[in-house]
Amino acid sequence: MAFSFLKISAEEAIKLNRDPLSVSEILARLEYEEDLFMETEYCYAINLLLTGREKGGDPPLCYVFSGERWIDDCYKNEKKIENPNYEVNPEEGARLKATVQLGEGGAYVAYTKPETIRRICDVLISSEALKARYDPDFLGKSEFLGVWNHENVDELVSAYEALEVFYTECAEEGRGVLIFAD
């Protein structure tokens, strides 16, 4: 499993708030556009170092990886979203399936509004502070991380720096974030 982060406009965030199923239009962009990609183990480790929790935490930092609003929680009966731009190309393969299954056993899709992105950036710690919090024994006790390789500290800090740049750019550009994990 990995996380993809995509910048979305303020208008797209408003549209998602009104009509969560409109996410299919945005997900179609993931076939050819991705602003940030991160392996799941780094997401959990960074969240743990930022919030002290494996999942979630206190707002607004809890939204960095979980998003402010889950798409699959936004509606009751419909659990699939159609990808209108899906084409099968046997030579290249397809990045996304024609239908993305949400919820248990499926993809995780969430978004965060631009105003929340600004709040997140106000409280993000520096990469030096994240490195100072780094404790391989603490991370190794994580239910989600299992045995943590302590030599990954530089890779972890590098992933965090990319995340910090991404969120800072979103805040400066007045953009929201769509999070897709599959």
N, C-alpha and C. Protein backbone atom coordinates (compact mmCIF):
# COMPACT_ATOMS: atom_id res chain seq x y z
N MET A 1 0.85 -1.17 0.00
CA MET A 1 0.00 0.00 0.00
C MET A 1 0.89 1.23 0.00
N ALA A 2 0.43 2.26 -0.70
CA ALA A 2 1.16 3.51 -0.76
C ALA A 2 0.15 4.66 -0.81
N PHE A 3 0.62 5.84 -0.48
CA PHE A 3 -0.22 7.03 -0.48
C PHE A 3 0.17 7.93 -1.64
N SER A 4 -0.83 8.43 -2.36
CA SER A 4 -0.63 9.45 -3.38
C SER A 4 -1.34 10.71 -2.91
N PHE A 5 -0.67 11.83 -3.07
CA PHE A 5 -1.22 13.13 -2.68
C PHE A 5 -1.34 13.98 -3.94
N LEU A 6 -2.47 14.60 -4.12
CA LEU A 6 -2.72 15.41 -5.30
C LEU A 6 -3.23 16.77 -4.87
N LYS A 7 -2.65 17.83 -5.42
CA LYS A 7 -3.15 19.17 -5.14
C LYS A 7 -4.51 19.34 -5.82
N ILE A 8 -5.45 19.90 -5.09
CA ILE A 8 -6.75 20.21 -5.69
C ILE A 8 -7.05 21.69 -5.48
N SER A 9 -7.80 22.24 -6.40
CA SER A 9 -8.14 23.66 -6.29
C SER A 9 -9.18 23.87 -5.19
N ALA A 10 -9.34 25.10 -4.78
CA ALA A 10 -10.36 25.44 -3.79
C ALA A 10 -11.75 25.09 -4.33
N GLU A 11 -11.94 25.28 -5.64
CA GLU A 11 -13.22 24.96 -6.26
C GLU A 11 -13.49 23.45 -6.22
N GLU A 12 -12.44 22.65 -6.44
CA GLU A 12 -12.60 21.19 -6.37
C GLU A 12 -12.93 20.76 -4.95
N ALA A 13 -12.33 21.39 -3.96
CA ALA A 13 -12.62 21.07 -2.57
C ALA A 13 -14.07 21.39 -2.23
N ILE A 14 -14.56 22.53 -2.71
CA ILE A 14 -15.96 22.91 -2.49
C ILE A 14 -16.88 21.90 -3.17
N LYS A 15 -16.54 21.51 -4.40
CA LYS A 15 -17.35 20.53 -5.13
C LYS A 15 -17.36 19.19 -4.40
N LEU A 16 -16.21 18.76 -3.88
CA LEU A 16 -16.15 17.50 -3.14
C LEU A 16 -17.02 17.57 -1.88
N ASN A 17 -17.04 18.72 -1.25
CA ASN A 17 -17.85 18.90 -0.04
C ASN A 17 -19.34 18.75 -0.37
N ARG A 18 -19.75 19.28 -1.53
CA ARG A 18 -21.15 19.20 -1.94
C ARG A 18 -21.51 17.83 -2.53
N ASP A 19 -20.57 17.30 -3.32
CA ASP A 19 -20.83 16.05 -4.06
C ASP A 19 -19.60 15.16 -3.99
N PRO A 20 -19.49 14.33 -2.95
CA PRO A 20 -18.31 13.48 -2.78
C PRO A 20 -18.03 12.56 -3.96
N LEU A 21 -19.06 12.16 -4.69
CA LEU A 21 -18.84 11.26 -5.83
C LEU A 21 -18.15 11.95 -6.99
N SER A 22 -18.06 13.29 -6.95
CA SER A 22 -17.32 14.00 -8.00
C SER A 22 -15.83 13.71 -7.92
N VAL A 23 -15.42 12.97 -6.89
CA VAL A 23 -14.02 12.61 -6.75
C VAL A 23 -13.52 11.79 -7.94
N SER A 24 -14.42 11.13 -8.65
CA SER A 24 -14.01 10.32 -9.80
C SER A 24 -13.29 11.16 -10.84
N GLU A 25 -13.73 12.41 -11.02
CA GLU A 25 -13.07 13.31 -11.98
C GLU A 25 -11.63 13.61 -11.54
N ILE A 26 -11.45 13.78 -10.25
CA ILE A 26 -10.11 14.08 -9.73
C ILE A 26 -9.24 12.83 -9.75
N LEU A 27 -9.82 11.69 -9.38
CA LEU A 27 -9.04 10.45 -9.39
C LEU A 27 -8.55 10.10 -10.79
N ALA A 28 -9.30 10.50 -11.80
CA ALA A 28 -8.87 10.23 -13.17
C ALA A 28 -7.52 10.91 -13.46
N ARG A 29 -7.27 12.04 -12.80
CA ARG A 29 -5.99 12.74 -12.99
C ARG A 29 -4.82 11.93 -12.44
N LEU A 30 -5.06 11.05 -11.47
CA LEU A 30 -3.97 10.27 -10.89
C LEU A 30 -3.32 9.33 -11.90
N GLU A 31 -4.00 9.08 -13.02
CA GLU A 31 -3.41 8.23 -14.05
C GLU A 31 -2.18 8.89 -14.66
N TYR A 32 -2.16 10.19 -14.69
CA TYR A 32 -1.05 10.88 -15.34
C TYR A 32 -0.44 11.99 -14.48
N GLU A 33 -0.94 12.19 -13.31
CA GLU A 33 -0.48 13.29 -12.47
C GLU A 33 -0.47 12.85 -11.00
N GLU A 34 0.61 13.12 -10.35
CA GLU A 34 0.70 12.82 -8.92
C GLU A 34 1.69 13.81 -8.35
N ASP A 35 1.29 14.54 -7.34
CA ASP A 35 2.16 15.57 -6.80
C ASP A 35 3.12 15.04 -5.75
N LEU A 36 2.71 14.01 -5.02
CA LEU A 36 3.58 13.41 -4.02
C LEU A 36 3.17 11.96 -3.83
N PHE A 37 4.16 11.09 -3.76
CA PHE A 37 3.94 9.66 -3.54
C PHE A 37 4.76 9.27 -2.31
N MET A 38 4.16 8.48 -1.41
CA MET A 38 4.89 8.09 -0.21
C MET A 38 4.49 6.67 0.19
N GLU A 39 5.50 5.87 0.52
CA GLU A 39 5.24 4.52 0.99
C GLU A 39 4.53 4.59 2.35
N THR A 40 3.66 3.64 2.57
CA THR A 40 2.83 3.62 3.78
C THR A 40 3.65 3.64 5.06
N GLU A 41 4.75 2.89 5.10
CA GLU A 41 5.53 2.84 6.34
C GLU A 41 6.05 4.22 6.73
N TYR A 42 6.39 5.04 5.76
CA TYR A 42 6.84 6.39 6.08
C TYR A 42 5.68 7.25 6.58
N CYS A 43 4.49 7.06 6.00
CA CYS A 43 3.32 7.81 6.45
C CYS A 43 3.03 7.51 7.92
N TYR A 44 3.01 6.23 8.27
CA TYR A 44 2.73 5.87 9.66
C TYR A 44 3.83 6.36 10.60
N ALA A 45 5.09 6.22 10.18
CA ALA A 45 6.19 6.65 11.04
C ALA A 45 6.16 8.17 11.26
N ILE A 46 5.95 8.92 10.19
CA ILE A 46 5.90 10.39 10.31
C ILE A 46 4.71 10.80 11.18
N ASN A 47 3.55 10.18 10.95
CA ASN A 47 2.38 10.50 11.77
C ASN A 47 2.65 10.21 13.24
N LEU A 48 3.31 9.10 13.51
CA LEU A 48 3.63 8.73 14.89
C LEU A 48 4.58 9.76 15.52
N LEU A 49 5.56 10.23 14.76
CA LEU A 49 6.50 11.22 15.29
C LEU A 49 5.87 12.61 15.43
N LEU A 50 4.93 12.93 14.55
CA LEU A 50 4.25 14.23 14.62
C LEU A 50 3.21 14.29 15.74
N THR A 51 2.43 13.21 15.87
CA THR A 51 1.26 13.25 16.76
C THR A 51 1.39 12.37 18.00
N GLY A 52 2.35 11.45 17.98
CA GLY A 52 2.46 10.50 19.08
C GLY A 52 1.51 9.32 18.94
N ARG A 53 0.78 9.28 17.83
CA ARG A 53 -0.18 8.21 17.57
C ARG A 53 0.10 7.59 16.21
N GLU A 54 -0.22 6.30 16.10
CA GLU A 54 -0.03 5.63 14.82
C GLU A 54 -1.00 6.12 13.76
N LYS A 55 -2.22 6.34 14.17
CA LYS A 55 -3.26 6.85 13.29
C LYS A 55 -3.92 8.02 13.99
N GLY A 56 -4.30 9.01 13.20
CA GLY A 56 -5.04 10.13 13.77
C GLY A 56 -4.16 11.07 14.57
N GLY A 57 -4.67 11.52 15.69
CA GLY A 57 -4.00 12.52 16.51
C GLY A 57 -4.92 13.72 16.64
N ASP A 58 -4.36 14.81 17.14
CA ASP A 58 -5.15 16.02 17.33
C ASP A 58 -5.13 16.88 16.06
N PRO A 59 -6.25 17.56 15.76
CA PRO A 59 -6.29 18.46 14.61
C PRO A 59 -5.32 19.62 14.82
N PRO A 60 -4.74 20.16 13.79
CA PRO A 60 -4.91 19.77 12.40
C PRO A 60 -3.91 18.70 11.93
N LEU A 61 -2.91 18.34 12.75
CA LEU A 61 -1.89 17.39 12.28
C LEU A 61 -2.48 16.02 11.93
N CYS A 62 -3.58 15.65 12.54
CA CYS A 62 -4.18 14.36 12.23
C CYS A 62 -4.65 14.29 10.78
N TYR A 63 -4.81 15.43 10.13
CA TYR A 63 -5.29 15.45 8.75
C TYR A 63 -4.18 15.28 7.71
N VAL A 64 -2.93 15.32 8.12
CA VAL A 64 -1.83 15.24 7.16
C VAL A 64 -1.95 13.98 6.30
N PHE A 65 -2.21 12.84 6.92
CA PHE A 65 -2.31 11.58 6.18
C PHE A 65 -3.73 11.05 6.08
N SER A 66 -4.59 11.42 7.02
CA SER A 66 -5.95 10.87 6.99
C SER A 66 -6.92 11.74 6.22
N GLY A 67 -6.53 12.99 5.96
CA GLY A 67 -7.45 13.91 5.30
C GLY A 67 -8.49 14.41 6.28
N GLU A 68 -9.11 15.49 5.92
CA GLU A 68 -10.11 16.12 6.77
C GLU A 68 -11.47 15.42 6.64
N ARG A 69 -11.74 14.89 5.47
CA ARG A 69 -13.02 14.23 5.23
C ARG A 69 -12.80 13.01 4.34
N TRP A 70 -13.26 11.87 4.80
CA TRP A 70 -13.15 10.64 4.02
C TRP A 70 -14.26 10.60 3.00
N ILE A 71 -13.91 10.28 1.79
CA ILE A 71 -14.92 10.21 0.73
C ILE A 71 -15.89 9.06 1.00
N ASP A 72 -15.41 7.91 1.45
CA ASP A 72 -16.31 6.77 1.65
C ASP A 72 -17.24 6.96 2.85
N ASP A 73 -16.98 7.95 3.69
CA ASP A 73 -17.89 8.26 4.79
C ASP A 73 -18.93 9.31 4.39
N CYS A 74 -18.78 9.86 3.21
CA CYS A 74 -19.65 10.97 2.80
C CYS A 74 -20.98 10.51 2.24
N TYR A 75 -21.13 9.26 1.97
CA TYR A 75 -22.39 8.75 1.46
C TYR A 75 -22.61 7.35 2.01
N LYS A 76 -23.86 6.93 2.06
CA LYS A 76 -24.21 5.70 2.77
C LYS A 76 -24.24 4.46 1.87
N ASN A 77 -24.96 4.49 0.77
CA ASN A 77 -25.20 3.28 0.00
C ASN A 77 -24.17 3.01 -1.08
N GLU A 78 -23.74 4.03 -1.77
CA GLU A 78 -22.80 3.86 -2.87
C GLU A 78 -21.40 3.65 -2.32
N LYS A 79 -20.76 2.56 -2.69
CA LYS A 79 -19.41 2.27 -2.21
C LYS A 79 -18.40 2.15 -3.34
N LYS A 80 -18.81 2.51 -4.56
CA LYS A 80 -17.89 2.44 -5.69
C LYS A 80 -17.95 3.77 -6.42
N ILE A 81 -16.82 4.18 -6.95
CA ILE A 81 -16.80 5.39 -7.76
C ILE A 81 -16.24 5.02 -9.12
N GLU A 82 -16.83 5.56 -10.13
CA GLU A 82 -16.42 5.25 -11.49
C GLU A 82 -15.30 6.18 -11.93
N ASN A 83 -14.37 5.64 -12.68
CA ASN A 83 -13.30 6.44 -13.26
C ASN A 83 -13.65 6.66 -14.72
N PRO A 84 -14.10 7.86 -15.10
CA PRO A 84 -14.59 8.08 -16.46
C PRO A 84 -13.50 8.02 -17.53
N ASN A 85 -12.26 8.22 -17.17
CA ASN A 85 -11.17 8.25 -18.15
C ASN A 85 -10.40 6.94 -18.22
N TYR A 86 -10.95 5.89 -17.68
CA TYR A 86 -10.26 4.61 -17.66
C TYR A 86 -10.19 4.02 -19.07
N GLU A 87 -9.00 3.68 -19.49
CA GLU A 87 -8.80 2.99 -20.75
C GLU A 87 -7.81 1.87 -20.51
N VAL A 88 -8.08 0.72 -21.10
CA VAL A 88 -7.16 -0.39 -20.95
C VAL A 88 -6.13 -0.30 -22.06
N ASN A 89 -4.90 -0.17 -21.67
CA ASN A 89 -3.80 -0.19 -22.63
C ASN A 89 -2.89 -1.34 -22.21
N PRO A 90 -2.96 -2.49 -22.90
CA PRO A 90 -2.22 -3.66 -22.44
C PRO A 90 -0.71 -3.44 -22.41
N GLU A 91 -0.20 -2.52 -23.23
CA GLU A 91 1.24 -2.27 -23.23
C GLU A 91 1.68 -1.48 -22.00
N GLU A 92 0.90 -0.49 -21.63
CA GLU A 92 1.27 0.36 -20.50
C GLU A 92 0.61 -0.06 -19.20
N GLY A 93 -0.48 -0.78 -19.27
CA GLY A 93 -1.23 -1.11 -18.06
C GLY A 93 -2.05 0.09 -17.64
N ALA A 94 -2.85 -0.08 -16.63
CA ALA A 94 -3.69 1.02 -16.14
C ALA A 94 -3.35 1.28 -14.69
N ARG A 95 -3.19 2.53 -14.35
CA ARG A 95 -2.83 2.91 -12.98
C ARG A 95 -4.00 2.72 -12.03
N LEU A 96 -5.18 3.09 -12.49
CA LEU A 96 -6.37 2.95 -11.67
C LEU A 96 -7.35 2.00 -12.33
N LYS A 97 -8.09 1.30 -11.54
CA LYS A 97 -9.12 0.41 -12.06
C LYS A 97 -10.30 1.24 -12.53
N ALA A 98 -11.14 0.63 -13.35
CA ALA A 98 -12.34 1.33 -13.84
C ALA A 98 -13.24 1.73 -12.68
N THR A 99 -13.29 0.89 -11.68
CA THR A 99 -14.08 1.19 -10.49
C THR A 99 -13.16 1.07 -9.29
N VAL A 100 -13.16 2.07 -8.46
CA VAL A 100 -12.35 2.04 -7.24
C VAL A 100 -13.27 1.63 -6.09
N GLN A 101 -12.95 0.52 -5.45
CA GLN A 101 -13.74 0.06 -4.30
C GLN A 101 -13.27 0.82 -3.06
N LEU A 102 -14.20 1.41 -2.36
CA LEU A 102 -13.86 2.17 -1.17
C LEU A 102 -14.21 1.36 0.07
N GLY A 103 -13.61 1.74 1.17
CA GLY A 103 -13.93 1.12 2.45
C GLY A 103 -13.09 -0.11 2.70
N GLU A 104 -13.63 -1.04 3.48
CA GLU A 104 -12.89 -2.23 3.90
C GLU A 104 -12.34 -2.99 2.70
N GLY A 105 -11.05 -3.22 2.71
CA GLY A 105 -10.42 -3.98 1.65
C GLY A 105 -10.22 -3.21 0.36
N GLY A 106 -10.64 -1.97 0.32
CA GLY A 106 -10.52 -1.18 -0.90
C GLY A 106 -9.62 0.02 -0.70
N ALA A 107 -9.74 0.95 -1.60
CA ALA A 107 -8.93 2.16 -1.55
C ALA A 107 -9.43 3.10 -0.46
N TYR A 108 -8.52 3.96 -0.01
CA TYR A 108 -8.84 4.99 0.95
C TYR A 108 -8.73 6.31 0.21
N VAL A 109 -9.79 7.11 0.22
CA VAL A 109 -9.78 8.40 -0.46
C VAL A 109 -10.32 9.45 0.52
N ALA A 110 -9.58 10.54 0.66
CA ALA A 110 -9.98 11.63 1.56
C ALA A 110 -9.46 12.94 0.99
N TYR A 111 -9.97 14.04 1.53
CA TYR A 111 -9.47 15.34 1.09
C TYR A 111 -9.43 16.30 2.28
N THR A 112 -8.64 17.35 2.08
CA THR A 112 -8.50 18.40 3.08
C THR A 112 -8.67 19.74 2.37
N LYS A 113 -9.46 20.62 2.97
CA LYS A 113 -9.75 21.93 2.38
C LYS A 113 -8.55 22.88 2.52
N PRO A 114 -8.45 23.88 1.63
CA PRO A 114 -7.32 24.82 1.67
C PRO A 114 -7.11 25.51 3.02
N GLU A 115 -8.19 25.91 3.68
CA GLU A 115 -8.01 26.62 4.96
C GLU A 115 -7.40 25.70 6.02
N THR A 116 -7.69 24.42 5.94
CA THR A 116 -7.10 23.47 6.88
C THR A 116 -5.64 23.20 6.54
N ILE A 117 -5.32 23.23 5.27
CA ILE A 117 -3.92 23.06 4.84
C ILE A 117 -3.07 24.17 5.45
N ARG A 118 -3.58 25.39 5.45
CA ARG A 118 -2.84 26.51 6.06
C ARG A 118 -2.64 26.27 7.55
N ARG A 119 -3.66 25.75 8.22
CA ARG A 119 -3.53 25.45 9.67
C ARG A 119 -2.50 24.35 9.90
N ILE A 120 -2.46 23.36 9.03
CA ILE A 120 -1.47 22.29 9.15
C ILE A 120 -0.07 22.88 9.04
N CYS A 121 0.14 23.73 8.04
CA CYS A 121 1.47 24.32 7.83
C CYS A 121 1.92 25.18 9.00
N ASP A 122 0.97 25.79 9.69
CA ASP A 122 1.30 26.61 10.85
C ASP A 122 1.90 25.79 12.00
N VAL A 123 1.60 24.50 12.05
CA VAL A 123 2.06 23.68 13.18
C VAL A 123 3.03 22.56 12.79
N LEU A 124 3.35 22.44 11.50
CA LEU A 124 4.34 21.43 11.12
C LEU A 124 5.68 21.74 11.77
N ILE A 125 6.37 20.71 12.22
CA ILE A 125 7.68 20.91 12.83
C ILE A 125 8.75 20.86 11.75
N SER A 126 9.94 21.31 12.07
CA SER A 126 11.05 21.27 11.12
C SER A 126 11.55 19.84 10.97
N SER A 127 12.28 19.58 9.91
CA SER A 127 12.84 18.25 9.71
C SER A 127 13.86 17.93 10.81
N GLU A 128 14.54 18.96 11.31
CA GLU A 128 15.48 18.74 12.42
C GLU A 128 14.74 18.30 13.68
N ALA A 129 13.59 18.92 13.94
CA ALA A 129 12.79 18.53 15.10
C ALA A 129 12.24 17.12 14.94
N LEU A 130 11.84 16.76 13.73
CA LEU A 130 11.36 15.40 13.49
C LEU A 130 12.49 14.40 13.73
N LYS A 131 13.68 14.73 13.25
CA LYS A 131 14.83 13.84 13.44
C LYS A 131 15.16 13.70 14.93
N ALA A 132 15.00 14.79 15.67
CA ALA A 132 15.28 14.74 17.12
C ALA A 132 14.27 13.84 17.85
N ARG A 133 13.06 13.73 17.31
CA ARG A 133 12.04 12.86 17.92
C ARG A 133 12.24 11.39 17.53
N TYR A 134 13.08 11.17 16.55
CA TYR A 134 13.26 9.82 16.01
C TYR A 134 13.78 8.86 17.08
N ASP A 135 13.06 7.78 17.27
CA ASP A 135 13.43 6.75 18.22
C ASP A 135 13.05 5.40 17.61
N PRO A 136 14.02 4.64 17.09
CA PRO A 136 13.70 3.39 16.41
C PRO A 136 12.99 2.38 17.31
N ASP A 137 13.28 2.39 18.61
CA ASP A 137 12.60 1.48 19.53
C ASP A 137 11.12 1.84 19.65
N PHE A 138 10.85 3.15 19.75
CA PHE A 138 9.47 3.63 19.82
C PHE A 138 8.72 3.25 18.54
N LEU A 139 9.34 3.48 17.39
CA LEU A 139 8.70 3.15 16.12
C LEU A 139 8.53 1.64 15.97
N GLY A 140 9.48 0.88 16.49
CA GLY A 140 9.42 -0.57 16.40
C GLY A 140 8.28 -1.19 17.18
N LYS A 141 7.72 -0.45 18.11
CA LYS A 141 6.58 -0.95 18.89
C LYS A 141 5.24 -0.70 18.19
N SER A 142 5.30 -0.03 17.06
CA SER A 142 4.09 0.30 16.32
C SER A 142 3.41 -0.95 15.77
N GLU A 143 2.12 -1.00 15.92
CA GLU A 143 1.31 -2.10 15.36
C GLU A 143 1.42 -2.12 13.84
N PHE A 144 1.56 -0.95 13.22
CA PHE A 144 1.55 -0.85 11.77
C PHE A 144 2.94 -0.94 11.15
N LEU A 145 3.95 -0.58 11.89
CA LEU A 145 5.30 -0.57 11.34
C LEU A 145 6.04 -1.88 11.56
N GLY A 146 5.69 -2.62 12.59
CA GLY A 146 6.41 -3.85 12.88
C GLY A 146 7.85 -3.54 13.24
N VAL A 147 8.78 -4.30 12.70
CA VAL A 147 10.19 -4.06 12.98
C VAL A 147 10.66 -2.88 12.14
N TRP A 148 11.08 -1.83 12.80
CA TRP A 148 11.52 -0.63 12.10
C TRP A 148 13.03 -0.68 11.96
N ASN A 149 13.53 -0.45 10.75
CA ASN A 149 14.96 -0.44 10.47
C ASN A 149 15.51 0.94 10.84
N HIS A 150 16.31 0.99 11.89
CA HIS A 150 16.81 2.28 12.39
C HIS A 150 17.68 3.02 11.39
N GLU A 151 18.16 2.33 10.38
CA GLU A 151 18.98 3.00 9.36
C GLU A 151 18.15 3.83 8.40
N ASN A 152 16.84 3.77 8.51
CA ASN A 152 15.96 4.51 7.61
C ASN A 152 15.76 5.97 8.03
N VAL A 153 16.47 6.44 9.03
CA VAL A 153 16.21 7.80 9.52
C VAL A 153 16.41 8.85 8.43
N ASP A 154 17.46 8.74 7.62
CA ASP A 154 17.68 9.74 6.58
C ASP A 154 16.61 9.69 5.50
N GLU A 155 16.17 8.48 5.15
CA GLU A 155 15.10 8.34 4.17
C GLU A 155 13.79 8.88 4.74
N LEU A 156 13.55 8.64 6.01
CA LEU A 156 12.35 9.13 6.66
C LEU A 156 12.34 10.66 6.70
N VAL A 157 13.45 11.25 7.05
CA VAL A 157 13.56 12.72 7.09
C VAL A 157 13.38 13.30 5.68
N SER A 158 13.97 12.63 4.69
CA SER A 158 13.81 13.07 3.30
C SER A 158 12.34 13.02 2.87
N ALA A 159 11.64 11.96 3.23
CA ALA A 159 10.22 11.84 2.91
C ALA A 159 9.43 12.95 3.61
N TYR A 160 9.78 13.24 4.86
CA TYR A 160 9.10 14.30 5.60
C TYR A 160 9.35 15.67 4.94
N GLU A 161 10.57 15.90 4.52
CA GLU A 161 10.89 17.19 3.87
C GLU A 161 10.07 17.36 2.59
N ALA A 162 9.91 16.28 1.81
CA ALA A 162 9.08 16.35 0.60
C ALA A 162 7.63 16.65 0.96
N LEU A 163 7.15 16.04 2.03
CA LEU A 163 5.78 16.27 2.50
C LEU A 163 5.61 17.72 2.95
N GLU A 164 6.60 18.22 3.68
CA GLU A 164 6.56 19.60 4.17
C GLU A 164 6.53 20.59 3.00
N VAL A 165 7.36 20.35 2.00
CA VAL A 165 7.37 21.22 0.81
C VAL A 165 6.02 21.17 0.10
N PHE A 166 5.49 19.95 -0.05
CA PHE A 166 4.20 19.78 -0.72
C PHE A 166 3.10 20.56 -0.01
N TYR A 167 2.98 20.40 1.31
CA TYR A 167 1.94 21.10 2.06
C TYR A 167 2.16 22.62 2.05
N THR A 168 3.40 23.04 2.11
CA THR A 168 3.70 24.48 2.06
C THR A 168 3.28 25.07 0.72
N GLU A 169 3.59 24.36 -0.36
CA GLU A 169 3.17 24.82 -1.70
C GLU A 169 1.65 24.90 -1.79
N CYS A 170 0.97 23.90 -1.27
CA CYS A 170 -0.50 23.91 -1.29
C CYS A 170 -1.04 25.12 -0.53
N ALA A 171 -0.47 25.40 0.63
CA ALA A 171 -0.92 26.55 1.43
C ALA A 171 -0.67 27.85 0.69
N GLU A 172 0.51 28.00 0.10
CA GLU A 172 0.85 29.23 -0.62
C GLU A 172 -0.03 29.42 -1.86
N GLU A 173 -0.42 28.32 -2.49
CA GLU A 173 -1.23 28.37 -3.71
C GLU A 173 -2.73 28.35 -3.42
N GLY A 174 -3.11 28.26 -2.14
CA GLY A 174 -4.52 28.21 -1.77
C GLY A 174 -5.21 26.94 -2.23
N ARG A 175 -4.49 25.84 -2.19
CA ARG A 175 -5.02 24.56 -2.66
C ARG A 175 -5.36 23.62 -1.51
N GLY A 176 -6.22 22.67 -1.80
CA GLY A 176 -6.52 21.58 -0.90
C GLY A 176 -5.70 20.36 -1.30
N VAL A 177 -5.93 19.25 -0.64
CA VAL A 177 -5.18 18.02 -0.91
C VAL A 177 -6.16 16.85 -1.00
N LEU A 178 -5.98 16.04 -2.03
CA LEU A 178 -6.68 14.77 -2.13
C LEU A 178 -5.68 13.67 -1.80
N ILE A 179 -6.07 12.76 -0.92
CA ILE A 179 -5.21 11.65 -0.49
C ILE A 179 -5.84 10.37 -1.00
N PHE A 180 -5.04 9.58 -1.69
CA PHE A 180 -5.50 8.31 -2.23
C PHE A 180 -4.53 7.24 -1.79
N ALA A 181 -5.01 6.23 -1.09
CA ALA A 181 -4.16 5.13 -0.64
C ALA A 181 -4.76 3.83 -1.16
N ASP A 182 -3.91 3.05 -1.79
CA ASP A 182 -4.38 1.78 -2.34
C ASP A 182 -3.27 0.76 -2.24
